[in-house]
């Protein structure tokens, strides 16, 4: 499953960071092992707003589609 597939309010654990992930997302806490939650998706689902480490971050669906996740209880 990938980050772009989350439903609003759903939480997941980031599995790994792809090579093309912008450094800025690492700086904001989007790192492997971190819990992430989809808070809001704009019309047509782009961009998407996530909460990670208490910070809201926004990213395009295409970028979120590159980040593999797992359910929080599997993690």
PDB file of N, CA and C in Angstrom:
ATOM      1  N   UNK A   1       0.848  -1.180   0.000  1.00  0.00           N
ATOM      2  CA  UNK A   1       0.000   0.000   0.000  1.00  0.00           C
ATOM      3  C   UNK A   1       0.890   1.239   0.000  1.00  0.00           C
ATOM      4  N   UNK A   2       0.392   2.318  -0.584  1.00  0.00           N
ATOM      5  CA  UNK A   2       1.163   3.548  -0.668  1.00  0.00           C
ATOM      6  C   UNK A   2       0.421   4.700   0.006  1.00  0.00           C
ATOM      7  N   UNK A   3       1.157   5.720   0.386  1.00  0.00           N
ATOM      8  CA  UNK A   3       0.625   6.865   1.107  1.00  0.00           C
ATOM      9  C   UNK A   3      -0.551   7.518   0.383  1.00  0.00           C
ATOM     10  N   UNK A   4      -0.536   7.512  -0.921  1.00  0.00           N
ATOM     11  CA  UNK A   4      -1.607   8.128  -1.707  1.00  0.00           C
ATOM     12  C   UNK A   4      -2.935   7.390  -1.567  1.00  0.00           C
ATOM     13  N   UNK A   5      -2.927   6.176  -1.026  1.00  0.00           N
ATOM     14  CA  UNK A   5      -4.134   5.356  -0.911  1.00  0.00           C
ATOM     15  C   UNK A   5      -4.859   5.525   0.422  1.00  0.00           C
ATOM     16  N   UNK A   6      -4.320   6.321   1.342  1.00  0.00           N
ATOM     17  CA  UNK A   6      -4.966   6.522   2.634  1.00  0.00           C
ATOM     18  C   UNK A   6      -6.286   7.265   2.483  1.00  0.00           C
ATOM     19  N   UNK A   7      -7.222   6.948   3.376  1.00  0.00           N
ATOM     20  CA  UNK A   7      -8.480   7.685   3.461  1.00  0.00           C
ATOM     21  C   UNK A   7      -8.319   8.764   4.529  1.00  0.00           C
ATOM     22  N   UNK A   8      -9.110   9.801   4.468  1.00  0.00           N
ATOM     23  CA  UNK A   8      -9.019  10.886   5.452  1.00  0.00           C
ATOM     24  C   UNK A   8      -9.243  10.315   6.853  1.00  0.00           C
ATOM     25  N   UNK A   9      -8.331  10.660   7.768  1.00  0.00           N
ATOM     26  CA  UNK A   9      -8.376  10.180   9.135  1.00  0.00           C
ATOM     27  C   UNK A   9      -7.647   8.870   9.360  1.00  0.00           C
ATOM     28  N   UNK A  10      -7.247   8.205   8.303  1.00  0.00           N
ATOM     29  CA  UNK A  10      -6.549   6.924   8.415  1.00  0.00           C
ATOM     30  C   UNK A  10      -5.072   7.150   8.727  1.00  0.00           C
ATOM     31  N   UNK A  11      -4.527   6.286   9.588  1.00  0.00           N
ATOM     32  CA  UNK A  11      -3.118   6.374   9.966  1.00  0.00           C
ATOM     33  C   UNK A  11      -2.354   5.192   9.411  1.00  0.00           C
ATOM     34  N   UNK A  12      -1.054   5.382   9.228  1.00  0.00           N
ATOM     35  CA  UNK A  12      -0.184   4.327   8.726  1.00  0.00           C
ATOM     36  C   UNK A  12       1.240   4.596   9.206  1.00  0.00           C
ATOM     37  N   UNK A  13       2.108   3.641   8.969  1.00  0.00           N
ATOM     38  CA  UNK A  13       3.526   3.770   9.283  1.00  0.00           C
ATOM     39  C   UNK A  13       4.305   3.818   7.972  1.00  0.00           C
ATOM     40  N   UNK A  14       5.204   4.778   7.851  1.00  0.00           N
ATOM     41  CA  UNK A  14       6.048   4.893   6.663  1.00  0.00           C
ATOM     42  C   UNK A  14       7.045   3.742   6.683  1.00  0.00           C
ATOM     43  N   UNK A  15       7.111   2.965   5.598  1.00  0.00           N
ATOM     44  CA  UNK A  15       8.018   1.823   5.530  1.00  0.00           C
ATOM     45  C   UNK A  15       9.423   2.213   5.091  1.00  0.00           C
ATOM     46  N   UNK A  16       9.514   2.964   4.020  1.00  0.00           N
ATOM     47  CA  UNK A  16      10.819   3.374   3.521  1.00  0.00           C
ATOM     48  C   UNK A  16      10.684   4.661   2.731  1.00  0.00           C
ATOM     49  N   UNK A  17      11.788   5.292   2.520  1.00  0.00           N
ATOM     50  CA  UNK A  17      11.799   6.540   1.757  1.00  0.00           C
ATOM     51  C   UNK A  17      12.431   6.268   0.399  1.00  0.00           C
ATOM     52  N   UNK A  18      11.704   6.543  -0.676  1.00  0.00           N
ATOM     53  CA  UNK A  18      12.287   6.334  -2.002  1.00  0.00           C
ATOM     54  C   UNK A  18      13.424   7.308  -2.272  1.00  0.00           C
ATOM     55  N   UNK A  19      14.275   6.953  -3.211  1.00  0.00           N
ATOM     56  CA  UNK A  19      15.438   7.780  -3.545  1.00  0.00           C
ATOM     57  C   UNK A  19      15.066   9.193  -3.955  1.00  0.00           C
ATOM     58  N   UNK A  20      13.940   9.388  -4.628  1.00  0.00           N
ATOM     59  CA  UNK A  20      13.561  10.700  -5.126  1.00  0.00           C
ATOM     60  C   UNK A  20      12.831  11.576  -4.130  1.00  0.00           C
ATOM     61  N   UNK A  21      12.713  11.135  -2.874  1.00  0.00           N
ATOM     62  CA  UNK A  21      11.978  11.917  -1.879  1.00  0.00           C
ATOM     63  C   UNK A  21      12.747  13.192  -1.534  1.00  0.00           C
ATOM     64  N   UNK A  22      12.093  14.356  -1.624  1.00  0.00           N
ATOM     65  CA  UNK A  22      12.780  15.614  -1.302  1.00  0.00           C
ATOM     66  C   UNK A  22      13.278  15.640   0.147  1.00  0.00           C
ATOM     67  N   UNK A  23      14.448  16.184   0.349  1.00  0.00           N
ATOM     68  CA  UNK A  23      15.052  16.281   1.681  1.00  0.00           C
ATOM     69  C   UNK A  23      14.139  17.033   2.634  1.00  0.00           C
ATOM     70  N   UNK A  24      13.391  17.994   2.133  1.00  0.00           N
ATOM     71  CA  UNK A  24      12.494  18.786   2.976  1.00  0.00           C
ATOM     72  C   UNK A  24      11.492  17.892   3.716  1.00  0.00           C
ATOM     73  N   UNK A  25      11.023  16.824   3.074  1.00  0.00           N
ATOM     74  CA  UNK A  25      10.079  15.921   3.746  1.00  0.00           C
ATOM     75  C   UNK A  25      10.758  15.181   4.900  1.00  0.00           C
ATOM     76  N   UNK A  26      12.019  14.806   4.749  1.00  0.00           N
ATOM     77  CA  UNK A  26      12.774  14.197   5.854  1.00  0.00           C
ATOM     78  C   UNK A  26      12.876  15.190   7.013  1.00  0.00           C
ATOM     79  N   UNK A  27      13.171  16.435   6.686  1.00  0.00           N
ATOM     80  CA  UNK A  27      13.321  17.464   7.712  1.00  0.00           C
ATOM     81  C   UNK A  27      12.021  17.694   8.472  1.00  0.00           C
ATOM     82  N   UNK A  28      10.887  17.449   7.821  1.00  0.00           N
ATOM     83  CA  UNK A  28       9.593  17.637   8.478  1.00  0.00           C
ATOM     84  C   UNK A  28       9.108  16.354   9.167  1.00  0.00           C
ATOM     85  N   UNK A  29       9.916  15.302   9.144  1.00  0.00           N
ATOM     86  CA  UNK A  29       9.599  14.094   9.900  1.00  0.00           C
ATOM     87  C   UNK A  29       9.053  12.928   9.115  1.00  0.00           C
ATOM     88  N   UNK A  30       8.943  13.021   7.817  1.00  0.00           N
ATOM     89  CA  UNK A  30       8.422  11.924   6.997  1.00  0.00           C
ATOM     90  C   UNK A  30       9.549  10.913   6.760  1.00  0.00           C
ATOM     91  N   UNK A  31       9.774  10.085   7.780  1.00  0.00           N
ATOM     92  CA  UNK A  31      10.885   9.132   7.746  1.00  0.00           C
ATOM     93  C   UNK A  31      10.368   7.721   8.034  1.00  0.00           C
ATOM     94  N   UNK A  32      11.105   6.691   7.625  1.00  0.00           N
ATOM     95  CA  UNK A  32      10.689   5.313   7.902  1.00  0.00           C
ATOM     96  C   UNK A  32      10.447   5.093   9.394  1.00  0.00           C
ATOM     97  N   UNK A  33       9.352   4.392   9.697  1.00  0.00           N
ATOM     98  CA  UNK A  33       9.003   4.089  11.078  1.00  0.00           C
ATOM     99  C   UNK A  33       8.087   5.105  11.730  1.00  0.00           C
ATOM    100  N   UNK A  34       7.873   6.241  11.102  1.00  0.00           N
ATOM    101  CA  UNK A  34       7.016   7.293  11.664  1.00  0.00           C
ATOM    102  C   UNK A  34       5.551   7.057  11.304  1.00  0.00           C
ATOM    103  N   UNK A  35       4.672   7.374  12.251  1.00  0.00           N
ATOM    104  CA  UNK A  35       3.243   7.300  11.987  1.00  0.00           C
ATOM    105  C   UNK A  35       2.824   8.543  11.218  1.00  0.00           C
ATOM    106  N   UNK A  36       1.960   8.347  10.238  1.00  0.00           N
ATOM    107  CA  UNK A  36       1.493   9.446   9.401  1.00  0.00           C
ATOM    108  C   UNK A  36      -0.015   9.294   9.218  1.00  0.00           C
ATOM    109  N   UNK A  37      -0.723  10.424   9.168  1.00  0.00           N
ATOM    110  CA  UNK A  37      -2.180  10.415   9.054  1.00  0.00           C
ATOM    111  C   UNK A  37      -2.611  11.385   7.963  1.00  0.00           C
ATOM    112  N   UNK A  38      -3.552  10.955   7.138  1.00  0.00           N
ATOM    113  CA  UNK A  38      -4.109  11.855   6.132  1.00  0.00           C
ATOM    114  C   UNK A  38      -5.150  12.726   6.810  1.00  0.00           C
ATOM    115  N   UNK A  39      -4.931  14.030   6.803  1.00  0.00           N
ATOM    116  CA  UNK A  39      -5.813  14.988   7.462  1.00  0.00           C
ATOM    117  C   UNK A  39      -6.799  15.593   6.473  1.00  0.00           C
ATOM    118  N   UNK A  40      -6.345  15.886   5.267  1.00  0.00           N
ATOM    119  CA  UNK A  40      -7.169  16.591   4.298  1.00  0.00           C
ATOM    120  C   UNK A  40      -6.660  16.313   2.890  1.00  0.00           C
ATOM    121  N   UNK A  41      -7.584  16.236   1.959  1.00  0.00           N
ATOM    122  CA  UNK A  41      -7.214  16.139   0.546  1.00  0.00           C
ATOM    123  C   UNK A  41      -8.022  17.201  -0.200  1.00  0.00           C
ATOM    124  N   UNK A  42      -7.346  17.988  -0.981  1.00  0.00           N
ATOM    125  CA  UNK A  42      -8.004  19.034  -1.755  1.00  0.00           C
ATOM    126  C   UNK A  42      -8.918  18.397  -2.808  1.00  0.00           C
ATOM    127  N   UNK A  43      -9.790  19.181  -3.416  1.00  0.00           N
ATOM    128  CA  UNK A  43     -10.629  18.625  -4.484  1.00  0.00           C
ATOM    129  C   UNK A  43      -9.771  17.914  -5.532  1.00  0.00           C
ATOM    130  N   UNK A  44     -10.260  16.802  -5.979  1.00  0.00           N
ATOM    131  CA  UNK A  44      -9.537  15.932  -6.908  1.00  0.00           C
ATOM    132  C   UNK A  44      -8.316  15.311  -6.240  1.00  0.00           C
ATOM    133  N   UNK A  45      -8.257  15.396  -4.898  1.00  0.00           N
ATOM    134  CA  UNK A  45      -7.241  14.739  -4.061  1.00  0.00           C
ATOM    135  C   UNK A  45      -5.817  15.233  -4.289  1.00  0.00           C
ATOM    136  N   UNK A  46      -5.647  16.438  -4.779  1.00  0.00           N
ATOM    137  CA  UNK A  46      -4.294  16.930  -5.012  1.00  0.00           C
ATOM    138  C   UNK A  46      -4.213  18.415  -4.702  1.00  0.00           C
ATOM    139  N   UNK A  47      -3.428  18.874  -3.751  1.00  0.00           N
ATOM    140  CA  UNK A  47      -2.497  18.099  -2.924  1.00  0.00           C
ATOM    141  C   UNK A  47      -3.199  17.435  -1.739  1.00  0.00           C
ATOM    142  N   UNK A  48      -2.416  16.635  -1.016  1.00  0.00           N
ATOM    143  CA  UNK A  48      -2.884  15.938   0.172  1.00  0.00           C
ATOM    144  C   UNK A  48      -2.142  16.509   1.372  1.00  0.00           C
ATOM    145  N   UNK A  49      -2.817  16.576   2.521  1.00  0.00           N
ATOM    146  CA  UNK A  49      -2.213  17.131   3.734  1.00  0.00           C
ATOM    147  C   UNK A  49      -2.123  16.027   4.789  1.00  0.00           C
ATOM    148  N   UNK A  50      -0.920  15.803   5.304  1.00  0.00           N
ATOM    149  CA  UNK A  50      -0.662  14.742   6.270  1.00  0.00           C
ATOM    150  C   UNK A  50      -0.149  15.318   7.582  1.00  0.00           C
ATOM    151  N   UNK A  51      -0.418  14.604   8.678  1.00  0.00           N
ATOM    152  CA  UNK A  51       0.153  14.952   9.982  1.00  0.00           C
ATOM    153  C   UNK A  51       1.211  13.903  10.302  1.00  0.00           C
ATOM    154  N   UNK A  52       2.427  14.386  10.571  1.00  0.00           N
ATOM    155  CA  UNK A  52       3.522  13.504  10.963  1.00  0.00           C
ATOM    156  C   UNK A  52       4.341  14.236  12.024  1.00  0.00           C
ATOM    157  N   UNK A  53       4.595  13.587  13.133  1.00  0.00           N
ATOM    158  CA  UNK A  53       5.315  14.182  14.266  1.00  0.00           C
ATOM    159  C   UNK A  53       4.707  15.524  14.688  1.00  0.00           C
ATOM    160  N   UNK A  54       3.382  15.628  14.632  1.00  0.00           N
ATOM    161  CA  UNK A  54       2.707  16.851  15.057  1.00  0.00           C
ATOM    162  C   UNK A  54       2.758  17.993  14.046  1.00  0.00           C
ATOM    163  N   UNK A  55       3.340  17.753  12.895  1.00  0.00           N
ATOM    164  CA  UNK A  55       3.467  18.783  11.865  1.00  0.00           C
ATOM    165  C   UNK A  55       2.588  18.428  10.679  1.00  0.00           C
ATOM    166  N   UNK A  56       1.931  19.418  10.104  1.00  0.00           N
ATOM    167  CA  UNK A  56       1.153  19.197   8.896  1.00  0.00           C
ATOM    168  C   UNK A  56       2.048  19.433   7.686  1.00  0.00           C
ATOM    169  N   UNK A  57       2.067  18.455   6.797  1.00  0.00           N
ATOM    170  CA  UNK A  57       2.852  18.592   5.567  1.00  0.00           C
ATOM    171  C   UNK A  57       1.931  18.330   4.376  1.00  0.00           C
ATOM    172  N   UNK A  58       2.209  18.994   3.305  1.00  0.00           N
ATOM    173  CA  UNK A  58       1.411  18.864   2.103  1.00  0.00           C
ATOM    174  C   UNK A  58       2.287  18.312   0.993  1.00  0.00           C
ATOM    175  N   UNK A  59       1.700  17.407   0.203  1.00  0.00           N
ATOM    176  CA  UNK A  59       2.444  16.896  -0.957  1.00  0.00           C
ATOM    177  C   UNK A  59       1.461  16.482  -2.041  1.00  0.00           C
ATOM    178  N   UNK A  60       1.950  16.455  -3.232  1.00  0.00           N
ATOM    179  CA  UNK A  60       1.129  16.041  -4.363  1.00  0.00           C
ATOM    180  C   UNK A  60       0.891  14.530  -4.298  1.00  0.00           C
ATOM    181  N   UNK A  61      -0.231  14.116  -4.853  1.00  0.00           N
ATOM    182  CA  UNK A  61      -0.588  12.697  -4.872  1.00  0.00           C
ATOM    183  C   UNK A  61       0.500  11.867  -5.570  1.00  0.00           C
ATOM    184  N   UNK A  62       1.099  12.391  -6.634  1.00  0.00           N
ATOM    185  CA  UNK A  62       2.133  11.647  -7.363  1.00  0.00           C
ATOM    186  C   UNK A  62       3.331  11.323  -6.459  1.00  0.00           C
ATOM    187  N   UNK A  63       3.699  12.242  -5.582  1.00  0.00           N
ATOM    188  CA  UNK A  63       4.802  11.994  -4.659  1.00  0.00           C
ATOM    189  C   UNK A  63       4.366  11.011  -3.574  1.00  0.00           C
ATOM    190  N   UNK A  64       3.150  11.179  -3.060  1.00  0.00           N
ATOM    191  CA  UNK A  64       2.634  10.270  -2.037  1.00  0.00           C
ATOM    192  C   UNK A  64       2.530   8.831  -2.573  1.00  0.00           C
ATOM    193  N   UNK A  65       2.329   8.692  -3.866  1.00  0.00           N
ATOM    194  CA  UNK A  65       2.218   7.367  -4.488  1.00  0.00           C
ATOM    195  C   UNK A  65       3.556   6.627  -4.501  1.00  0.00           C
ATOM    196  N   UNK A  66       4.645   7.290  -4.185  1.00  0.00           N
ATOM    197  CA  UNK A  66       5.974   6.657  -4.159  1.00  0.00           C
ATOM    198  C   UNK A  66       6.363   6.156  -2.778  1.00  0.00           C
ATOM    199  N   UNK A  67       5.594   6.504  -1.749  1.00  0.00           N
ATOM    200  CA  UNK A  67       5.985   6.208  -0.364  1.00  0.00           C
ATOM    201  C   UNK A  67       5.188   5.007   0.158  1.00  0.00           C
ATOM    202  N   UNK A  68       5.857   3.850   0.345  1.00  0.00           N
ATOM    203  CA  UNK A  68       5.163   2.661   0.844  1.00  0.00           C
ATOM    204  C   UNK A  68       4.855   2.781   2.339  1.00  0.00           C
ATOM    205  N   UNK A  69       3.679   2.261   2.719  1.00  0.00           N
ATOM    206  CA  UNK A  69       3.232   2.334   4.117  1.00  0.00           C
ATOM    207  C   UNK A  69       2.686   0.980   4.556  1.00  0.00           C
ATOM    208  N   UNK A  70       2.459   0.851   5.842  1.00  0.00           N
ATOM    209  CA  UNK A  70       1.807  -0.313   6.419  1.00  0.00           C
ATOM    210  C   UNK A  70       0.852   0.144   7.510  1.00  0.00           C
ATOM    211  N   UNK A  71      -0.048  -0.717   7.920  1.00  0.00           N
ATOM    212  CA  UNK A  71      -0.993  -0.383   8.985  1.00  0.00           C
ATOM    213  C   UNK A  71      -0.220  -0.164  10.294  1.00  0.00           C
ATOM    214  N   UNK A  72      -0.698   0.747  11.160  1.00  0.00           N
ATOM    215  CA  UNK A  72       0.013   1.050  12.412  1.00  0.00           C
ATOM    216  C   UNK A  72       0.216  -0.157  13.312  1.00  0.00           C
ATOM    217  N   UNK A  73      -0.739  -1.083  13.356  1.00  0.00           N
ATOM    218  CA  UNK A  73      -0.609  -2.238  14.239  1.00  0.00           C
ATOM    219  C   UNK A  73       0.317  -3.322  13.705  1.00  0.00           C
ATOM    220  N   UNK A  74       0.665  -3.246  12.420  1.00  0.00           N
ATOM    221  CA  UNK A  74       1.577  -4.218  11.800  1.00  0.00           C
ATOM    222  C   UNK A  74       3.019  -3.796  12.001  1.00  0.00           C
ATOM    223  N   UNK A  75       3.272  -2.480  11.893  1.00  0.00           N
ATOM    224  CA  UNK A  75       4.481  -1.798  11.903  1.00  0.00           C
ATOM    225  C   UNK A  75       5.734  -2.200  12.379  1.00  0.00           C
TER     226      UNK A  75
END
